[in-house]
């Protein structure tokens, strides 16, 4: 993903408009490219289900299963929440660092993470509570 991003920047340097630092631009562009790839996998999975099967083995490792679950959860989130989740939980960034990248307040980052925690709690309740 990073190599593709650098190649596209070399081919079309006007993408970087100078409104932020180059580091901020690269970090943000990389994050958005990764999130787009995750979202595009939905279509791939749908097409594989309709027209064929994957070549993966029948037994996935627990780590692979967790990664697949994480990808599925990120695809279901609104883009802003998915971005904050990646920055905070995977990149282990502070609220201040996330706020600087997103161009918002530290409080807004906290609000987004609270919404994410609420959604996660709702998702867990749906999994553990039997349907009535």
Foldseek 3Di string as FASTA:
>chain_A
DLVVVVVVCVVPVVVCVPPDDPVLVSVVVVLVVVLVVLLVVVVVVVVCVVPHDDPDDPDDDPVVVVVVVLSVVLNPDDPVLSSLCCCCVVVVDQLVVVCVSVVHDSVVSVVSVVVVVVVVVVVVCVVPDDDD
